[in-house]
PDB file of N, CA and C in Angstrom:
ATOM      1  N   MET A   1      59.496 102.864-135.712  1.00  0.00           N
ATOM      2  CA  MET A   1      59.440 104.310-135.695  1.00  0.00           C
ATOM      3  C   MET A   1      59.626 104.881-137.095  1.00  0.00           C
ATOM      4  N   LEU A   2      60.628 104.372-137.813  1.00  0.00           N
ATOM      5  CA  LEU A   2      60.908 104.866-139.158  1.00  0.00           C
ATOM      6  C   LEU A   2      59.724 104.629-140.082  1.00  0.00           C
ATOM      7  N   TRP A   3      59.087 103.467-139.953  1.00  0.00           N
ATOM      8  CA  TRP A   3      57.957 103.157-140.841  1.00  0.00           C
ATOM      9  C   TRP A   3      56.753 104.038-140.565  1.00  0.00           C
ATOM     10  N   LYS A   4      56.580 104.472-139.324  1.00  0.00           N
ATOM     11  CA  LYS A   4      55.478 105.386-139.007  1.00  0.00           C
ATOM     12  C   LYS A   4      55.689 106.730-139.699  1.00  0.00           C
ATOM     13  N   VAL A   5      56.925 107.208-139.693  1.00  0.00           N
ATOM     14  CA  VAL A   5      57.239 108.481-140.340  1.00  0.00           C
ATOM     15  C   VAL A   5      57.064 108.363-141.848  1.00  0.00           C
ATOM     16  N   ILE A   6      57.610 107.311-142.430  1.00  0.00           N
ATOM     17  CA  ILE A   6      57.497 107.120-143.873  1.00  0.00           C
ATOM     18  C   ILE A   6      56.041 106.919-144.271  1.00  0.00           C
ATOM     19  N   GLY A   7      55.300 106.141-143.509  1.00  0.00           N
ATOM     20  CA  GLY A   7      53.876 105.935-143.801  1.00  0.00           C
ATOM     21  C   GLY A   7      53.089 107.229-143.707  1.00  0.00           C
ATOM     22  N   GLY A   8      53.388 108.036-142.694  1.00  0.00           N
ATOM     23  CA  GLY A   8      52.721 109.331-142.555  1.00  0.00           C
ATOM     24  C   GLY A   8      53.017 110.250-143.725  1.00  0.00           C
ATOM     25  N   LEU A   9      54.276 110.279-144.152  1.00  0.00           N
ATOM     26  CA  LEU A   9      54.642 111.101-145.307  1.00  0.00           C
ATOM     27  C   LEU A   9      53.960 110.613-146.578  1.00  0.00           C
ATOM     28  N   LEU A  10      53.884 109.298-146.762  1.00  0.00           N
ATOM     29  CA  LEU A  10      53.214 108.757-147.949  1.00  0.00           C
ATOM     30  C   LEU A  10      51.742 109.165-147.981  1.00  0.00           C
ATOM     31  N   VAL A  11      51.091 109.098-146.838  1.00  0.00           N
ATOM     32  CA  VAL A  11      49.686 109.515-146.763  1.00  0.00           C
ATOM     33  C   VAL A  11      49.558 111.008-147.060  1.00  0.00           C
ATOM     34  N   LEU A  12      50.444 111.811-146.488  1.00  0.00           N
ATOM     35  CA  LEU A  12      50.424 113.252-146.729  1.00  0.00           C
ATOM     36  C   LEU A  12      50.607 113.571-148.213  1.00  0.00           C
ATOM     37  N   TRP A  13      51.581 112.947-148.867  1.00  0.00           N
ATOM     38  CA  TRP A  13      51.813 113.212-150.293  1.00  0.00           C
ATOM     39  C   TRP A  13      50.624 112.740-151.132  1.00  0.00           C
ATOM     40  N   LEU A  14      49.993 111.657-150.736  1.00  0.00           N
ATOM     41  CA  LEU A  14      48.824 111.170-151.469  1.00  0.00           C
ATOM     42  C   LEU A  14      47.668 112.158-151.360  1.00  0.00           C
ATOM     43  N   VAL A  15      47.441 112.692-150.167  1.00  0.00           N
ATOM     44  CA  VAL A  15      46.377 113.682-149.965  1.00  0.00           C
ATOM     45  C   VAL A  15      46.659 114.944-150.781  1.00  0.00           C
ATOM     46  N   ILE A  16      47.912 115.389-150.780  1.00  0.00           N
ATOM     47  CA  ILE A  16      48.266 116.580-151.555  1.00  0.00           C
ATOM     48  C   ILE A  16      48.047 116.329-153.041  1.00  0.00           C
ATOM     49  N   SER A  17      48.414 115.149-153.529  1.00  0.00           N
ATOM     50  CA  SER A  17      48.224 114.823-154.942  1.00  0.00           C
ATOM     51  C   SER A  17      46.751 114.809-155.318  1.00  0.00           C
ATOM     52  N   ILE A  18      45.927 114.208-154.475  1.00  0.00           N
ATOM     53  CA  ILE A  18      44.490 114.142-154.755  1.00  0.00           C
ATOM     54  C   ILE A  18      43.883 115.536-154.729  1.00  0.00           C
ATOM     55  N   ALA A  19      44.308 116.372-153.784  1.00  0.00           N
ATOM     56  CA  ALA A  19      43.812 117.746-153.723  1.00  0.00           C
ATOM     57  C   ALA A  19      44.194 118.504-154.988  1.00  0.00           C
ATOM     58  N   GLY A  20      45.384 118.265-155.490  1.00  0.00           N
ATOM     59  CA  GLY A  20      45.825 118.920-156.719  1.00  0.00           C
ATOM     60  C   GLY A  20      45.009 118.510-157.919  1.00  0.00           C
ATOM     61  N   VAL A  21      44.562 117.259-157.957  1.00  0.00           N
ATOM     62  CA  VAL A  21      43.748 116.781-159.070  1.00  0.00           C
ATOM     63  C   VAL A  21      42.319 117.308-158.961  1.00  0.00           C
ATOM     64  N   VAL A  22      41.780 117.340-157.752  1.00  0.00           N
ATOM     65  CA  VAL A  22      40.387 117.728-157.545  1.00  0.00           C
ATOM     66  C   VAL A  22      40.172 119.223-157.767  1.00  0.00           C
ATOM     67  N   VAL A  23      41.073 120.040-157.235  1.00  0.00           N
ATOM     68  CA  VAL A  23      40.918 121.488-157.326  1.00  0.00           C
ATOM     69  C   VAL A  23      41.475 121.958-158.670  1.00  0.00           C
ATOM     70  N   LYS A  24      40.627 122.614-159.439  1.00  0.00           N
ATOM     71  CA  LYS A  24      41.057 123.104-160.754  1.00  0.00           C
ATOM     72  C   LYS A  24      42.188 124.100-160.604  1.00  0.00           C
ATOM     73  N   GLY A  25      43.145 124.019-161.494  1.00  0.00           N
ATOM     74  CA  GLY A  25      44.249 124.966-161.494  1.00  0.00           C
ATOM     75  C   GLY A  25      45.385 124.616-160.555  1.00  0.00           C
ATOM     76  N   LEU A  26      45.280 123.504-159.859  1.00  0.00           N
ATOM     77  CA  LEU A  26      46.348 123.112-158.945  1.00  0.00           C
ATOM     78  C   LEU A  26      47.037 121.834-159.414  1.00  0.00           C
ATOM     79  N   PHE A  27      47.184 121.715-160.718  1.00  0.00           N
ATOM     80  CA  PHE A  27      47.842 120.530-161.273  1.00  0.00           C
ATOM     81  C   PHE A  27      49.273 120.418-160.772  1.00  0.00           C
ATOM     82  N   TRP A  28      49.926 121.565-160.590  1.00  0.00           N
ATOM     83  CA  TRP A  28      51.303 121.565-160.096  1.00  0.00           C
ATOM     84  C   TRP A  28      51.383 120.907-158.727  1.00  0.00           C
ATOM     85  N   LEU A  29      50.340 121.049-157.919  1.00  0.00           N
ATOM     86  CA  LEU A  29      50.318 120.428-156.596  1.00  0.00           C
ATOM     87  C   LEU A  29      50.262 118.909-156.725  1.00  0.00           C
ATOM     88  N   ALA A  30      49.507 118.424-157.696  1.00  0.00           N
ATOM     89  CA  ALA A  30      49.432 116.982-157.929  1.00  0.00           C
ATOM     90  C   ALA A  30      50.788 116.441-158.376  1.00  0.00           C
ATOM     91  N   VAL A  31      51.474 117.193-159.227  1.00  0.00           N
ATOM     92  CA  VAL A  31      52.782 116.752-159.711  1.00  0.00           C
ATOM     93  C   VAL A  31      53.792 116.705-158.560  1.00  0.00           C
ATOM     94  N   ILE A  32      53.832 117.756-157.754  1.00  0.00           N
ATOM     95  CA  ILE A  32      54.761 117.793-156.618  1.00  0.00           C
ATOM     96  C   ILE A  32      54.442 116.667-155.630  1.00  0.00           C
ATOM     97  N   GLY A  33      53.170 116.477-155.330  1.00  0.00           N
ATOM     98  CA  GLY A  33      52.776 115.401-154.418  1.00  0.00           C
ATOM     99  C   GLY A  33      53.165 114.038-154.950  1.00  0.00           C
ATOM    100  N   GLY A  34      52.983 113.834-156.244  1.00  0.00           N
ATOM    101  CA  GLY A  34      53.359 112.557-156.859  1.00  0.00           C
ATOM    102  C   GLY A  34      54.855 112.305-156.801  1.00  0.00           C
ATOM    103  N   VAL A  35      55.632 113.328-157.092  1.00  0.00           N
ATOM    104  CA  VAL A  35      57.094 113.199-157.047  1.00  0.00           C
ATOM    105  C   VAL A  35      57.554 112.905-155.623  1.00  0.00           C
ATOM    106  N   LEU A  36      57.013 113.629-154.649  1.00  0.00           N
ATOM    107  CA  LEU A  36      57.398 113.399-153.260  1.00  0.00           C
ATOM    108  C   LEU A  36      56.958 112.018-152.771  1.00  0.00           C
ATOM    109  N   PHE A  37      55.800 111.547-153.234  1.00  0.00           N
ATOM    110  CA  PHE A  37      55.322 110.208-152.873  1.00  0.00           C
ATOM    111  C   PHE A  37      56.308 109.147-153.363  1.00  0.00           C
ATOM    112  N   VAL A  38      56.707 109.257-154.624  1.00  0.00           N
ATOM    113  CA  VAL A  38      57.632 108.280-155.198  1.00  0.00           C
ATOM    114  C   VAL A  38      58.995 108.356-154.506  1.00  0.00           C
ATOM    115  N   ALA A  39      59.468 109.564-154.234  1.00  0.00           N
ATOM    116  CA  ALA A  39      60.766 109.723-153.568  1.00  0.00           C
ATOM    117  C   ALA A  39      60.748 109.126-152.155  1.00  0.00           C
ATOM    118  N   THR A  40      59.678 109.371-151.419  1.00  0.00           N
ATOM    119  CA  THR A  40      59.577 108.834-150.057  1.00  0.00           C
ATOM    120  C   THR A  40      59.501 107.314-150.082  1.00  0.00           C
ATOM    121  N   ALA A  41      58.738 106.769-151.013  1.00  0.00           N
ATOM    122  CA  ALA A  41      58.636 105.311-151.134  1.00  0.00           C
ATOM    123  C   ALA A  41      59.998 104.705-151.484  1.00  0.00           C
ATOM    124  N   ALA A  42      60.733 105.349-152.373  1.00  0.00           N
ATOM    125  CA  ALA A  42      62.054 104.842-152.760  1.00  0.00           C
ATOM    126  C   ALA A  42      63.031 104.896-151.594  1.00  0.00           C
ATOM    127  N   ILE A  43      63.001 105.972-150.831  1.00  0.00           N
ATOM    128  CA  ILE A  43      63.885 106.092-149.663  1.00  0.00           C
ATOM    129  C   ILE A  43      63.547 105.020-148.628  1.00  0.00           C
ATOM    130  N   GLY A  44      62.257 104.823-148.376  1.00  0.00           N
ATOM    131  CA  GLY A  44      61.838 103.788-147.433  1.00  0.00           C
ATOM    132  C   GLY A  44      62.249 102.403-147.891  1.00  0.00           C
ATOM    133  N   TRP A  45      62.105 102.129-149.178  1.00  0.00           N
ATOM    134  CA  TRP A  45      62.478 100.833-149.729  1.00  0.00           C
ATOM    135  C   TRP A  45      63.986 100.621-149.594  1.00  0.00           C
ATOM    136  N   ALA A  46      64.769 101.664-149.889  1.00  0.00           N
ATOM    137  CA  ALA A  46      66.224 101.554-149.806  1.00  0.00           C
ATOM    138  C   ALA A  46      66.676 101.334-148.360  1.00  0.00           C
ATOM    139  N   LYS A  47      66.066 102.035-147.415  1.00  0.00           N
ATOM    140  CA  LYS A  47      66.448 101.872-146.005  1.00  0.00           C
ATOM    141  C   LYS A  47      66.075 100.478-145.510  1.00  0.00           C
ATOM    142  N   GLU A  48      64.926  99.976-145.929  1.00  0.00           N
ATOM    143  CA  GLU A  48      64.504  98.636-145.527  1.00  0.00           C
ATOM    144  C   GLU A  48      65.468  97.600-146.097  1.00  0.00           C
ATOM    145  N   ARG A  49      65.834  97.771-147.326  1.00  0.00           N
ATOM    146  CA  ARG A  49      66.739  96.825-147.973  1.00  0.00           C
ATOM    147  C   ARG A  49      68.115  96.834-147.292  1.00  0.00           C
ATOM    148  N   LYS A  50      68.556  98.020-146.890  1.00  0.00           N
ATOM    149  CA  LYS A  50      69.836  98.163-146.207  1.00  0.00           C
ATOM    150  C   LYS A  50      69.801  97.483-144.841  1.00  0.00           C
ATOM    151  N   GLN A  51      68.674  97.591-144.127  1.00  0.00           N
ATOM    152  CA  GLN A  51      68.546  96.976-142.801  1.00  0.00           C
ATOM    153  C   GLN A  51      68.473  95.471-142.889  1.00  0.00           C
ATOM    154  N   VAL A  52      67.865  94.953-143.948  1.00  0.00           N
ATOM    155  CA  VAL A  52      67.741  93.499-144.113  1.00  0.00           C
ATOM    156  C   VAL A  52      69.112  92.883-144.349  1.00  0.00           C
ATOM    157  N   LYS A  53      69.973  93.566-145.103  1.00  0.00           N
ATOM    158  CA  LYS A  53      71.314  93.051-145.392  1.00  0.00           C
ATOM    159  C   LYS A  53      72.209  93.056-144.156  1.00  0.00           C
ATOM    160  N   SER A  54      71.960  93.943-143.218  1.00  0.00           N
ATOM    161  CA  SER A  54      72.820  94.044-142.014  1.00  0.00           C
ATOM    162  C   SER A  54      72.622  92.899-141.071  1.00  0.00           C
TER     163      SER A  54
END
């Protein structure tokens, strides 16, 4: 269940980032999407690592 949510968020942030790059003047959208993509990936990685240790 958790991986479906994280995967969905990663896809959403990727789409937002690509839209920001494609549409002129929306560079800020690409930056926000990129930051959120990295943050979501880091949170997912940390939760997975925590579950493996348990």
